[in-house]
Amino acid sequence: MRNILVHADEDPGLVARIESVLEIGRRNRSHLSVLVATPYRHFVAMDPFGGAYLLRDRIEEALRSAAVAASPPRGRAKAK
């Protein structure tokens, strides 16, 4: 198993899922890809005339949230 795709979302099982896939990946020397599914509608506003606009605030908030989620959990040692 060389490539592993894991779903990462803000749910209670996230930490256990990531730790499990990291362990499997280490044992098999695999490449890990993380998928964060975000519906497009979270970033688009519709006006009454049918126009659609990207919401800059939402995009910036999502980027900040992703940066926090990507940082290693506190109190845990980094993998060697």
C-alpha atoms as a PDB file:
ATOM      1  CA  MET A   1       0.000   0.000   0.000  1.00  0.00           C
ATOM      2  CA  ARG A   2       1.911   3.055  -1.253  1.00  0.00           C
ATOM      3  CA  ASN A   3      -0.745   5.787  -1.262  1.00  0.00           C
ATOM      4  CA  ILE A   4      -3.307   6.382   1.460  1.00  0.00           C
ATOM      5  CA  LEU A   5      -6.151   8.888   1.223  1.00  0.00           C
ATOM      6  CA  VAL A   6      -7.768   9.841   4.525  1.00  0.00           C
ATOM      7  CA  HIS A   7     -10.787  12.023   5.152  1.00  0.00           C
ATOM      8  CA  ALA A   8     -10.088  14.870   7.591  1.00  0.00           C
ATOM      9  CA  ASP A   9     -13.018  16.768   8.973  1.00  0.00           C
ATOM     10  CA  GLU A  10     -13.838  18.374  12.295  1.00  0.00           C
ATOM     11  CA  ASP A  11     -15.484  15.392  13.929  1.00  0.00           C
ATOM     12  CA  PRO A  12     -14.760  13.427  17.127  1.00  0.00           C
ATOM     13  CA  GLY A  13     -12.970  10.616  15.250  1.00  0.00           C
ATOM     14  CA  LEU A  14     -10.432  12.851  13.496  1.00  0.00           C
ATOM     15  CA  VAL A  15      -7.513  12.376  15.901  1.00  0.00           C
ATOM     16  CA  ALA A  16      -7.923   8.594  16.069  1.00  0.00           C
ATOM     17  CA  ARG A  17      -8.307   8.359  12.289  1.00  0.00           C
ATOM     18  CA  ILE A  18      -5.160  10.444  11.628  1.00  0.00           C
ATOM     19  CA  GLU A  19      -3.106   8.549  14.223  1.00  0.00           C
ATOM     20  CA  SER A  20      -4.216   5.212  12.746  1.00  0.00           C
ATOM     21  CA  VAL A  21      -3.400   6.180   9.180  1.00  0.00           C
ATOM     22  CA  LEU A  22      -0.027   7.597  10.249  1.00  0.00           C
ATOM     23  CA  GLU A  23       0.845   4.291  11.901  1.00  0.00           C
ATOM     24  CA  ILE A  24      -0.219   2.300   8.832  1.00  0.00           C
ATOM     25  CA  GLY A  25       1.695   4.709   6.605  1.00  0.00           C
ATOM     26  CA  ARG A  26       4.877   4.395   8.667  1.00  0.00           C
ATOM     27  CA  ARG A  27       4.750   0.594   8.632  1.00  0.00           C
ATOM     28  CA  ASN A  28       4.255   0.474   4.881  1.00  0.00           C
ATOM     29  CA  ARG A  29       6.373   3.505   3.948  1.00  0.00           C
ATOM     30  CA  SER A  30       3.314   5.013   2.284  1.00  0.00           C
ATOM     31  CA  HIS A  31       2.443   8.469   1.024  1.00  0.00           C
ATOM     32  CA  LEU A  32      -0.422  10.095   2.917  1.00  0.00           C
ATOM     33  CA  SER A  33      -2.944  12.433   1.289  1.00  0.00           C
ATOM     34  CA  VAL A  34      -5.569  14.227   3.336  1.00  0.00           C
ATOM     35  CA  LEU A  35      -8.958  15.184   1.912  1.00  0.00           C
ATOM     36  CA  VAL A  36     -10.959  17.986   3.476  1.00  0.00           C
ATOM     37  CA  ALA A  37     -14.303  18.156   1.724  1.00  0.00           C
ATOM     38  CA  THR A  38     -15.841  21.630   1.752  1.00  0.00           C
ATOM     39  CA  PRO A  39     -19.054  22.269  -0.143  1.00  0.00           C
ATOM     40  CA  TYR A  40     -18.744  25.126  -2.625  1.00  0.00           C
ATOM     41  CA  ARG A  41     -21.880  26.747  -1.200  1.00  0.00           C
ATOM     42  CA  HIS A  42     -19.929  27.711   1.937  1.00  0.00           C
ATOM     43  CA  PHE A  43     -17.956  30.215  -0.127  1.00  0.00           C
ATOM     44  CA  VAL A  44     -20.632  31.624  -2.431  1.00  0.00           C
ATOM     45  CA  ALA A  45     -23.362  34.186  -1.824  1.00  0.00           C
ATOM     46  CA  MET A  46     -26.287  34.593  -4.183  1.00  0.00           C
ATOM     47  CA  ASP A  47     -27.980  37.908  -4.846  1.00  0.00           C
ATOM     48  CA  PRO A  48     -31.683  38.266  -5.736  1.00  0.00           C
ATOM     49  CA  PHE A  49     -30.808  38.754  -9.408  1.00  0.00           C
ATOM     50  CA  GLY A  50     -29.058  35.417  -9.760  1.00  0.00           C
ATOM     51  CA  GLY A  51     -25.469  36.622  -9.340  1.00  0.00           C
ATOM     52  CA  ALA A  52     -22.964  34.650  -7.321  1.00  0.00           C
ATOM     53  CA  TYR A  53     -20.064  36.098  -5.359  1.00  0.00           C
ATOM     54  CA  LEU A  54     -17.187  34.458  -3.558  1.00  0.00           C
ATOM     55  CA  LEU A  55     -17.141  35.371   0.103  1.00  0.00           C
ATOM     56  CA  ARG A  56     -13.650  36.569   0.923  1.00  0.00           C
ATOM     57  CA  ASP A  57     -14.247  36.362   4.706  1.00  0.00           C
ATOM     58  CA  ARG A  58     -15.314  32.725   4.459  1.00  0.00           C
ATOM     59  CA  ILE A  59     -12.292  31.802   2.349  1.00  0.00           C
ATOM     60  CA  GLU A  60      -9.898  33.521   4.778  1.00  0.00           C
ATOM     61  CA  GLU A  61     -11.609  31.847   7.747  1.00  0.00           C
ATOM     62  CA  ALA A  62     -11.318  28.439   6.065  1.00  0.00           C
ATOM     63  CA  LEU A  63      -7.623  29.010   5.365  1.00  0.00           C
ATOM     64  CA  ARG A  64      -6.983  29.971   9.002  1.00  0.00           C
ATOM     65  CA  SER A  65      -8.938  26.928  10.178  1.00  0.00           C
ATOM     66  CA  ALA A  66      -6.991  24.660   7.825  1.00  0.00           C
ATOM     67  CA  ALA A  67      -3.693  26.052   9.116  1.00  0.00           C
ATOM     68  CA  VAL A  68      -4.738  25.297  12.700  1.00  0.00           C
ATOM     69  CA  ALA A  69      -5.936  21.799  11.738  1.00  0.00           C
ATOM     70  CA  ALA A  70      -2.655  21.097   9.948  1.00  0.00           C
ATOM     71  CA  SER A  71      -0.533  21.968  12.982  1.00  0.00           C
ATOM     72  CA  PRO A  72       0.499  19.022  15.189  1.00  0.00           C
ATOM     73  CA  PRO A  73      -1.661  18.430  18.284  1.00  0.00           C
ATOM     74  CA  ARG A  74      -0.244  19.983  21.435  1.00  0.00           C
ATOM     75  CA  GLY A  75       1.355  17.656  23.922  1.00  0.00           C
ATOM     76  CA  ARG A  76       2.268  15.070  21.287  1.00  0.00           C
ATOM     77  CA  ALA A  77       5.753  14.315  20.091  1.00  0.00           C
ATOM     78  CA  LYS A  78       6.428  14.809  16.397  1.00  0.00           C
ATOM     79  CA  ALA A  79       7.157  11.705  14.304  1.00  0.00           C
ATOM     80  CA  LYS A  80      10.810  11.026  13.569  1.00  0.00           C
END
